Amino acid sequence: MIHLSDRINNLSESQTISMAKKGRELSSKGIDIINLSFGEPDFQTPDHIKTAAKEAIDAGYTFYTPVAGYPELRSAIAKKLLT
């Protein structure tokens, strides 16, 4: 038998997990909801995004971004929004 510490035994379920369960429960009852608990889309990631993510990993983009974001990405977004 495995004995866990009191601290582990007294952990409660996270609010995120609780919210996700509630969302699944409501959906299973046919209630149309927008579940924002996990921040996961309800569709597969498009292939061009998966390819770009793999290329970014291979290029060394494996850490958190700078707080303000990458300058070249910010520029590209600004350019797109201005056109």
PDB file of N, CA and C in Angstrom:
ATOM      1  N   MET A   1       0.847  -1.186   0.000  1.00  0.00           N
ATOM      2  CA  MET A   1       0.000   0.000   0.000  1.00  0.00           C
ATOM      3  C   MET A   1       0.891   1.247   0.000  1.00  0.00           C
ATOM      4  N   ILE A   2       0.531   2.213  -0.821  1.00  0.00           N
ATOM      5  CA  ILE A   2       1.292   3.460  -0.906  1.00  0.00           C
ATOM      6  C   ILE A   2       0.669   4.478   0.042  1.00  0.00           C
ATOM      7  N   HIS A   3       1.499   5.080   0.863  1.00  0.00           N
ATOM      8  CA  HIS A   3       1.026   6.115   1.778  1.00  0.00           C
ATOM      9  C   HIS A   3       1.462   7.475   1.243  1.00  0.00           C
ATOM     10  N   LEU A   4       0.508   8.359   1.075  1.00  0.00           N
ATOM     11  CA  LEU A   4       0.794   9.705   0.606  1.00  0.00           C
ATOM     12  C   LEU A   4       0.732  10.668   1.770  1.00  0.00           C
ATOM     13  N   SER A   5       1.434  11.762   1.629  1.00  0.00           N
ATOM     14  CA  SER A   5       1.453  12.758   2.699  1.00  0.00           C
ATOM     15  C   SER A   5       0.081  13.395   2.867  1.00  0.00           C
ATOM     16  N   ASP A   6      -0.161  13.955   4.045  1.00  0.00           N
ATOM     17  CA  ASP A   6      -1.416  14.663   4.306  1.00  0.00           C
ATOM     18  C   ASP A   6      -1.616  15.800   3.310  1.00  0.00           C
ATOM     19  N   ARG A   7      -0.517  16.454   2.964  1.00  0.00           N
ATOM     20  CA  ARG A   7      -0.602  17.578   2.028  1.00  0.00           C
ATOM     21  C   ARG A   7      -1.154  17.109   0.677  1.00  0.00           C
ATOM     22  N   ILE A   8      -0.666  15.985   0.194  1.00  0.00           N
ATOM     23  CA  ILE A   8      -1.155  15.444  -1.073  1.00  0.00           C
ATOM     24  C   ILE A   8      -2.611  14.981  -0.934  1.00  0.00           C
ATOM     25  N   ASN A   9      -2.913  14.299   0.151  1.00  0.00           N
ATOM     26  CA  ASN A   9      -4.262  13.791   0.359  1.00  0.00           C
ATOM     27  C   ASN A   9      -5.295  14.898   0.506  1.00  0.00           C
ATOM     28  N   ASN A  10      -4.860  16.086   0.873  1.00  0.00           N
ATOM     29  CA  ASN A  10      -5.794  17.195   1.088  1.00  0.00           C
ATOM     30  C   ASN A  10      -5.913  18.136  -0.110  1.00  0.00           C
ATOM     31  N   LEU A  11      -5.251  17.795  -1.214  1.00  0.00           N
ATOM     32  CA  LEU A  11      -5.373  18.634  -2.412  1.00  0.00           C
ATOM     33  C   LEU A  11      -6.791  18.550  -2.955  1.00  0.00           C
ATOM     34  N   SER A  12      -7.292  19.672  -3.411  1.00  0.00           N
ATOM     35  CA  SER A  12      -8.628  19.663  -4.010  1.00  0.00           C
ATOM     36  C   SER A  12      -8.497  19.799  -5.524  1.00  0.00           C
ATOM     37  N   GLU A  13      -9.553  19.457  -6.210  1.00  0.00           N
ATOM     38  CA  GLU A  13      -9.580  19.544  -7.660  1.00  0.00           C
ATOM     39  C   GLU A  13      -9.452  21.006  -8.082  1.00  0.00           C
ATOM     40  N   SER A  14      -8.695  21.257  -9.132  1.00  0.00           N
ATOM     41  CA  SER A  14      -8.526  22.632  -9.600  1.00  0.00           C
ATOM     42  C   SER A  14      -9.837  23.155 -10.191  1.00  0.00           C
ATOM     43  N   GLN A  15      -9.990  24.451 -10.172  1.00  0.00           N
ATOM     44  CA  GLN A  15     -11.181  25.082 -10.734  1.00  0.00           C
ATOM     45  C   GLN A  15     -11.268  24.832 -12.238  1.00  0.00           C
ATOM     46  N   THR A  16     -10.119  24.755 -12.898  1.00  0.00           N
ATOM     47  CA  THR A  16     -10.107  24.506 -14.335  1.00  0.00           C
ATOM     48  C   THR A  16     -10.674  23.126 -14.647  1.00  0.00           C
ATOM     49  N   ILE A  17     -10.232  22.123 -13.898  1.00  0.00           N
ATOM     50  CA  ILE A  17     -10.731  20.760 -14.104  1.00  0.00           C
ATOM     51  C   ILE A  17     -12.225  20.705 -13.793  1.00  0.00           C
ATOM     52  N   SER A  18     -12.625  21.359 -12.723  1.00  0.00           N
ATOM     53  CA  SER A  18     -14.036  21.386 -12.332  1.00  0.00           C
ATOM     54  C   SER A  18     -14.894  22.025 -13.422  1.00  0.00           C
ATOM     55  N   MET A  19     -14.404  23.129 -13.985  1.00  0.00           N
ATOM     56  CA  MET A  19     -15.122  23.813 -15.044  1.00  0.00           C
ATOM     57  C   MET A  19     -15.239  22.930 -16.291  1.00  0.00           C
ATOM     58  N   ALA A  20     -14.163  22.221 -16.626  1.00  0.00           N
ATOM     59  CA  ALA A  20     -14.173  21.338 -17.797  1.00  0.00           C
ATOM     60  C   ALA A  20     -15.192  20.215 -17.617  1.00  0.00           C
ATOM     61  N   LYS A  21     -15.227  19.634 -16.424  1.00  0.00           N
ATOM     62  CA  LYS A  21     -16.204  18.578 -16.141  1.00  0.00           C
ATOM     63  C   LYS A  21     -17.623  19.102 -16.301  1.00  0.00           C
ATOM     64  N   LYS A  22     -17.876  20.286 -15.778  1.00  0.00           N
ATOM     65  CA  LYS A  22     -19.209  20.888 -15.872  1.00  0.00           C
ATOM     66  C   LYS A  22     -19.578  21.129 -17.336  1.00  0.00           C
ATOM     67  N   GLY A  23     -18.625  21.596 -18.124  1.00  0.00           N
ATOM     68  CA  GLY A  23     -18.865  21.823 -19.541  1.00  0.00           C
ATOM     69  C   GLY A  23     -19.215  20.536 -20.268  1.00  0.00           C
ATOM     70  N   ARG A  24     -18.470  19.463 -19.991  1.00  0.00           N
ATOM     71  CA  ARG A  24     -18.773  18.166 -20.615  1.00  0.00           C
ATOM     72  C   ARG A  24     -20.147  17.663 -20.178  1.00  0.00           C
ATOM     73  N   GLU A  25     -20.462  17.862 -18.906  1.00  0.00           N
ATOM     74  CA  GLU A  25     -21.765  17.435 -18.378  1.00  0.00           C
ATOM     75  C   GLU A  25     -22.899  18.152 -19.108  1.00  0.00           C
ATOM     76  N   LEU A  26     -22.786  19.475 -19.237  1.00  0.00           N
ATOM     77  CA  LEU A  26     -23.825  20.251 -19.912  1.00  0.00           C
ATOM     78  C   LEU A  26     -23.933  19.871 -21.387  1.00  0.00           C
ATOM     79  N   SER A  27     -22.788  19.683 -22.038  1.00  0.00           N
ATOM     80  CA  SER A  27     -22.789  19.280 -23.447  1.00  0.00           C
ATOM     81  C   SER A  27     -23.464  17.935 -23.641  1.00  0.00           C
ATOM     82  N   SER A  28     -23.192  17.004 -22.737  1.00  0.00           N
ATOM     83  CA  SER A  28     -23.781  15.667 -22.860  1.00  0.00           C
ATOM     84  C   SER A  28     -25.297  15.700 -22.693  1.00  0.00           C
ATOM     85  N   LYS A  29     -25.818  16.765 -22.074  1.00  0.00           N
ATOM     86  CA  LYS A  29     -27.263  16.928 -21.913  1.00  0.00           C
ATOM     87  C   LYS A  29     -27.878  17.677 -23.093  1.00  0.00           C
ATOM     88  N   GLY A  30     -27.034  17.972 -24.099  1.00  0.00           N
ATOM     89  CA  GLY A  30     -27.532  18.655 -25.285  1.00  0.00           C
ATOM     90  C   GLY A  30     -27.559  20.164 -25.164  1.00  0.00           C
ATOM     91  N   ILE A  31     -26.993  20.689 -24.103  1.00  0.00           N
ATOM     92  CA  ILE A  31     -26.966  22.144 -23.917  1.00  0.00           C
ATOM     93  C   ILE A  31     -25.808  22.704 -24.734  1.00  0.00           C
ATOM     94  N   ASP A  32     -26.092  23.692 -25.568  1.00  0.00           N
ATOM     95  CA  ASP A  32     -25.075  24.306 -26.425  1.00  0.00           C
ATOM     96  C   ASP A  32     -24.263  25.285 -25.590  1.00  0.00           C
ATOM     97  N   ILE A  33     -22.999  24.960 -25.358  1.00  0.00           N
ATOM     98  CA  ILE A  33     -22.150  25.824 -24.533  1.00  0.00           C
ATOM     99  C   ILE A  33     -20.872  26.180 -25.284  1.00  0.00           C
ATOM    100  N   ILE A  34     -20.199  27.192 -24.810  1.00  0.00           N
ATOM    101  CA  ILE A  34     -18.849  27.528 -25.254  1.00  0.00           C
ATOM    102  C   ILE A  34     -17.962  27.251 -24.048  1.00  0.00           C
ATOM    103  N   ASN A  35     -17.174  26.196 -24.147  1.00  0.00           N
ATOM    104  CA  ASN A  35     -16.342  25.770 -23.021  1.00  0.00           C
ATOM    105  C   ASN A  35     -14.987  26.466 -23.094  1.00  0.00           C
ATOM    106  N   LEU A  36     -14.734  27.357 -22.167  1.00  0.00           N
ATOM    107  CA  LEU A  36     -13.475  28.097 -22.132  1.00  0.00           C
ATOM    108  C   LEU A  36     -12.537  27.606 -21.021  1.00  0.00           C
ATOM    109  N   SER A  37     -12.804  26.435 -20.490  1.00  0.00           N
ATOM    110  CA  SER A  37     -12.041  25.971 -19.332  1.00  0.00           C
ATOM    111  C   SER A  37     -10.578  25.700 -19.636  1.00  0.00           C
ATOM    112  N   PHE A  38     -10.277  24.953 -20.692  1.00  0.00           N
ATOM    113  CA  PHE A  38      -8.890  24.589 -20.979  1.00  0.00           C
ATOM    114  C   PHE A  38      -8.246  25.465 -22.032  1.00  0.00           C
ATOM    115  N   GLY A  39      -9.018  26.217 -22.743  1.00  0.00           N
ATOM    116  CA  GLY A  39      -8.448  27.027 -23.818  1.00  0.00           C
ATOM    117  C   GLY A  39      -8.043  26.177 -25.009  1.00  0.00           C
ATOM    118  N   GLU A  40      -8.702  25.028 -25.193  1.00  0.00           N
ATOM    119  CA  GLU A  40      -8.413  24.156 -26.322  1.00  0.00           C
ATOM    120  C   GLU A  40      -9.490  24.334 -27.380  1.00  0.00           C
ATOM    121  N   PRO A  41      -9.083  24.391 -28.650  1.00  0.00           N
ATOM    122  CA  PRO A  41     -10.090  24.489 -29.705  1.00  0.00           C
ATOM    123  C   PRO A  41     -10.816  23.167 -29.873  1.00  0.00           C
ATOM    124  N   ASP A  42     -11.939  23.206 -30.564  1.00  0.00           N
ATOM    125  CA  ASP A  42     -12.691  21.982 -30.824  1.00  0.00           C
ATOM    126  C   ASP A  42     -12.440  21.479 -32.243  1.00  0.00           C
ATOM    127  N   PHE A  43     -11.261  21.797 -32.771  1.00  0.00           N
ATOM    128  CA  PHE A  43     -10.864  21.361 -34.105  1.00  0.00           C
ATOM    129  C   PHE A  43      -9.370  21.053 -34.096  1.00  0.00           C
ATOM    130  N   GLN A  44      -8.940  20.257 -35.060  1.00  0.00           N
ATOM    131  CA  GLN A  44      -7.524  19.918 -35.172  1.00  0.00           C
ATOM    132  C   GLN A  44      -6.712  21.137 -35.619  1.00  0.00           C
ATOM    133  N   THR A  45      -5.474  21.197 -35.187  1.00  0.00           N
ATOM    134  CA  THR A  45      -4.578  22.270 -35.619  1.00  0.00           C
ATOM    135  C   THR A  45      -4.317  22.122 -37.117  1.00  0.00           C
ATOM    136  N   PRO A  46      -4.510  23.202 -37.888  1.00  0.00           N
ATOM    137  CA  PRO A  46      -4.268  23.121 -39.333  1.00  0.00           C
ATOM    138  C   PRO A  46      -2.813  22.733 -39.640  1.00  0.00           C
ATOM    139  N   ASP A  47      -2.620  22.013 -40.743  1.00  0.00           N
ATOM    140  CA  ASP A  47      -1.296  21.507 -41.110  1.00  0.00           C
ATOM    141  C   ASP A  47      -0.245  22.605 -41.237  1.00  0.00           C
ATOM    142  N   HIS A  48      -0.615  23.760 -41.812  1.00  0.00           N
ATOM    143  CA  HIS A  48       0.391  24.821 -41.989  1.00  0.00           C
ATOM    144  C   HIS A  48       0.877  25.362 -40.640  1.00  0.00           C
ATOM    145  N   ILE A  49       0.037  25.324 -39.639  1.00  0.00           N
ATOM    146  CA  ILE A  49       0.450  25.776 -38.304  1.00  0.00           C
ATOM    147  C   ILE A  49       1.344  24.724 -37.648  1.00  0.00           C
ATOM    148  N   LYS A  50       1.000  23.449 -37.812  1.00  0.00           N
ATOM    149  CA  LYS A  50       1.851  22.380 -37.260  1.00  0.00           C
ATOM    150  C   LYS A  50       3.241  22.429 -37.896  1.00  0.00           C
ATOM    151  N   THR A  51       3.287  22.643 -39.212  1.00  0.00           N
ATOM    152  CA  THR A  51       4.569  22.721 -39.916  1.00  0.00           C
ATOM    153  C   THR A  51       5.390  23.898 -39.408  1.00  0.00           C
ATOM    154  N   ALA A  52       4.744  25.052 -39.257  1.00  0.00           N
ATOM    155  CA  ALA A  52       5.447  26.241 -38.771  1.00  0.00           C
ATOM    156  C   ALA A  52       5.956  26.032 -37.346  1.00  0.00           C
ATOM    157  N   ALA A  53       5.168  25.360 -36.503  1.00  0.00           N
ATOM    158  CA  ALA A  53       5.595  25.093 -35.122  1.00  0.00           C
ATOM    159  C   ALA A  53       6.811  24.178 -35.103  1.00  0.00           C
ATOM    160  N   LYS A  54       6.812  23.141 -35.940  1.00  0.00           N
ATOM    161  CA  LYS A  54       7.961  22.229 -36.011  1.00  0.00           C
ATOM    162  C   LYS A  54       9.211  22.970 -36.479  1.00  0.00           C
ATOM    163  N   GLU A  55       9.053  23.830 -37.478  1.00  0.00           N
ATOM    164  CA  GLU A  55      10.188  24.619 -37.979  1.00  0.00           C
ATOM    165  C   GLU A  55      10.711  25.555 -36.900  1.00  0.00           C
ATOM    166  N   ALA A  56       9.809  26.149 -36.122  1.00  0.00           N
ATOM    167  CA  ALA A  56      10.229  27.065 -35.050  1.00  0.00           C
ATOM    168  C   ALA A  56      11.011  26.310 -33.982  1.00  0.00           C
ATOM    169  N   ILE A  57      10.573  25.109 -33.630  1.00  0.00           N
ATOM    170  CA  ILE A  57      11.296  24.300 -32.644  1.00  0.00           C
ATOM    171  C   ILE A  57      12.689  23.983 -33.160  1.00  0.00           C
ATOM    172  N   ASP A  58      12.787  23.555 -34.425  1.00  0.00           N
ATOM    173  CA  ASP A  58      14.084  23.238 -35.013  1.00  0.00           C
ATOM    174  C   ASP A  58      14.992  24.460 -35.088  1.00  0.00           C
ATOM    175  N   ALA A  59      14.404  25.653 -35.196  1.00  0.00           N
ATOM    176  CA  ALA A  59      15.182  26.896 -35.258  1.00  0.00           C
ATOM    177  C   ALA A  59      15.565  27.406 -33.877  1.00  0.00           C
ATOM    178  N   GLY A  60      15.169  26.685 -32.826  1.00  0.00           N
ATOM    179  CA  GLY A  60      15.586  27.067 -31.480  1.00  0.00           C
ATOM    180  C   GLY A  60      14.590  27.900 -30.702  1.00  0.00           C
ATOM    181  N   TYR A  61      13.396  28.086 -31.231  1.00  0.00           N
ATOM    182  CA  TYR A  61      12.377  28.848 -30.506  1.00  0.00           C
ATOM    183  C   TYR A  61      11.680  27.915 -29.511  1.00  0.00           C
ATOM    184  N   THR A  62      12.387  27.640 -28.401  1.00  0.00           N
ATOM    185  CA  THR A  62      11.889  26.671 -27.429  1.00  0.00           C
ATOM    186  C   THR A  62      11.734  27.252 -26.031  1.00  0.00           C
ATOM    187  N   PHE A  63      11.887  28.541 -25.907  1.00  0.00           N
ATOM    188  CA  PHE A  63      11.751  29.204 -24.604  1.00  0.00           C
ATOM    189  C   PHE A  63      10.577  30.172 -24.647  1.00  0.00           C
ATOM    190  N   TYR A  64      10.236  30.711 -23.501  1.00  0.00           N
ATOM    191  CA  TYR A  64       9.204  31.744 -23.478  1.00  0.00           C
ATOM    192  C   TYR A  64       9.664  32.919 -24.317  1.00  0.00           C
ATOM    193  N   THR A  65       8.695  33.576 -24.927  1.00  0.00           N
ATOM    194  CA  THR A  65       9.021  34.757 -25.733  1.00  0.00           C
ATOM    195  C   THR A  65       9.333  35.928 -24.810  1.00  0.00           C
ATOM    196  N   PRO A  66       9.998  36.960 -25.345  1.00  0.00           N
ATOM    197  CA  PRO A  66      10.156  38.180 -24.559  1.00  0.00           C
ATOM    198  C   PRO A  66       8.770  38.724 -24.197  1.00  0.00           C
ATOM    199  N   VAL A  67       8.663  39.431 -23.096  1.00  0.00           N
ATOM    200  CA  VAL A  67       7.361  39.931 -22.636  1.00  0.00           C
ATOM    201  C   VAL A  67       6.661  40.739 -23.726  1.00  0.00           C
ATOM    202  N   ALA A  68       7.388  41.576 -24.396  1.00  0.00           N
ATOM    203  CA  ALA A  68       6.784  42.413 -25.451  1.00  0.00           C
ATOM    204  C   ALA A  68       6.622  41.651 -26.767  1.00  0.00           C
ATOM    205  N   GLY A  69       7.124  40.435 -26.836  1.00  0.00           N
ATOM    206  CA  GLY A  69       7.043  39.654 -28.071  1.00  0.00           C
ATOM    207  C   GLY A  69       8.286  39.856 -28.931  1.00  0.00           C
ATOM    208  N   TYR A  70       8.419  39.028 -29.959  1.00  0.00           N
ATOM    209  CA  TYR A  70       9.551  39.162 -30.872  1.00  0.00           C
ATOM    210  C   TYR A  70       9.322  40.357 -31.781  1.00  0.00           C
ATOM    211  N   PRO A  71      10.332  41.247 -31.906  1.00  0.00           N
ATOM    212  CA  PRO A  71      10.158  42.450 -32.737  1.00  0.00           C
ATOM    213  C   PRO A  71       9.713  42.145 -34.170  1.00  0.00           C
ATOM    214  N   GLU A  72      10.299  41.100 -34.791  1.00  0.00           N
ATOM    215  CA  GLU A  72       9.933  40.797 -36.178  1.00  0.00           C
ATOM    216  C   GLU A  72       8.482  40.318 -36.283  1.00  0.00           C
ATOM    217  N   LEU A  73       7.994  39.609 -35.284  1.00  0.00           N
ATOM    218  CA  LEU A  73       6.596  39.171 -35.289  1.00  0.00           C
ATOM    219  C   LEU A  73       5.671  40.367 -35.060  1.00  0.00           C
ATOM    220  N   ARG A  74       6.039  41.233 -34.140  1.00  0.00           N
ATOM    221  CA  ARG A  74       5.222  42.431 -33.894  1.00  0.00           C
ATOM    222  C   ARG A  74       5.118  43.277 -35.151  1.00  0.00           C
ATOM    223  N   SER A  75       6.239  43.411 -35.856  1.00  0.00           N
ATOM    224  CA  SER A  75       6.248  44.183 -37.119  1.00  0.00           C
ATOM    225  C   SER A  75       5.327  43.543 -38.148  1.00  0.00           C
ATOM    226  N   ALA A  76       5.413  42.226 -38.284  1.00  0.00           N
ATOM    227  CA  ALA A  76       4.566  41.526 -39.262  1.00  0.00           C
ATOM    228  C   ALA A  76       3.089  41.679 -38.920  1.00  0.00           C
ATOM    229  N   ILE A  77       2.754  41.601 -37.653  1.00  0.00           N
ATOM    230  CA  ILE A  77       1.354  41.758 -37.242  1.00  0.00           C
ATOM    231  C   ILE A  77       0.882  43.176 -37.515  1.00  0.00           C
ATOM    232  N   ALA A  78       1.721  44.159 -37.169  1.00  0.00           N
ATOM    233  CA  ALA A  78       1.357  45.566 -37.419  1.00  0.00           C
ATOM    234  C   ALA A  78       1.143  45.811 -38.910  1.00  0.00           C
ATOM    235  N   LYS A  79       2.056  45.276 -39.729  1.00  0.00           N
ATOM    236  CA  LYS A  79       1.944  45.452 -41.178  1.00  0.00           C
ATOM    237  C   LYS A  79       0.632  44.840 -41.695  1.00  0.00           C
ATOM    238  N   LYS A  80       0.317  43.635 -41.221  1.00  0.00           N
ATOM    239  CA  LYS A  80      -0.916  42.972 -41.659  1.00  0.00           C
ATOM    240  C   LYS A  80      -2.152  43.789 -41.259  1.00  0.00           C
ATOM    241  N   LEU A  81      -2.145  44.314 -40.040  1.00  0.00           N
ATOM    242  CA  LEU A  81      -3.311  45.052 -39.547  1.00  0.00           C
ATOM    243  C   LEU A  81      -3.465  46.412 -40.229  1.00  0.00           C
ATOM    244  N   LEU A  82      -2.374  46.957 -40.719  1.00  0.00           N
ATOM    245  CA  LEU A  82      -2.434  48.264 -41.362  1.00  0.00           C
ATOM    246  C   LEU A  82      -2.838  48.181 -42.830  1.00  0.00           C
ATOM    247  N   THR A  83      -2.839  46.980 -43.398  1.00  0.00           N
ATOM    248  CA  THR A  83      -3.183  46.859 -44.824  1.00  0.00           C
ATOM    249  C   THR A  83      -4.616  46.391 -45.000  1.00  0.00           C
TER     250      THR A  83
END
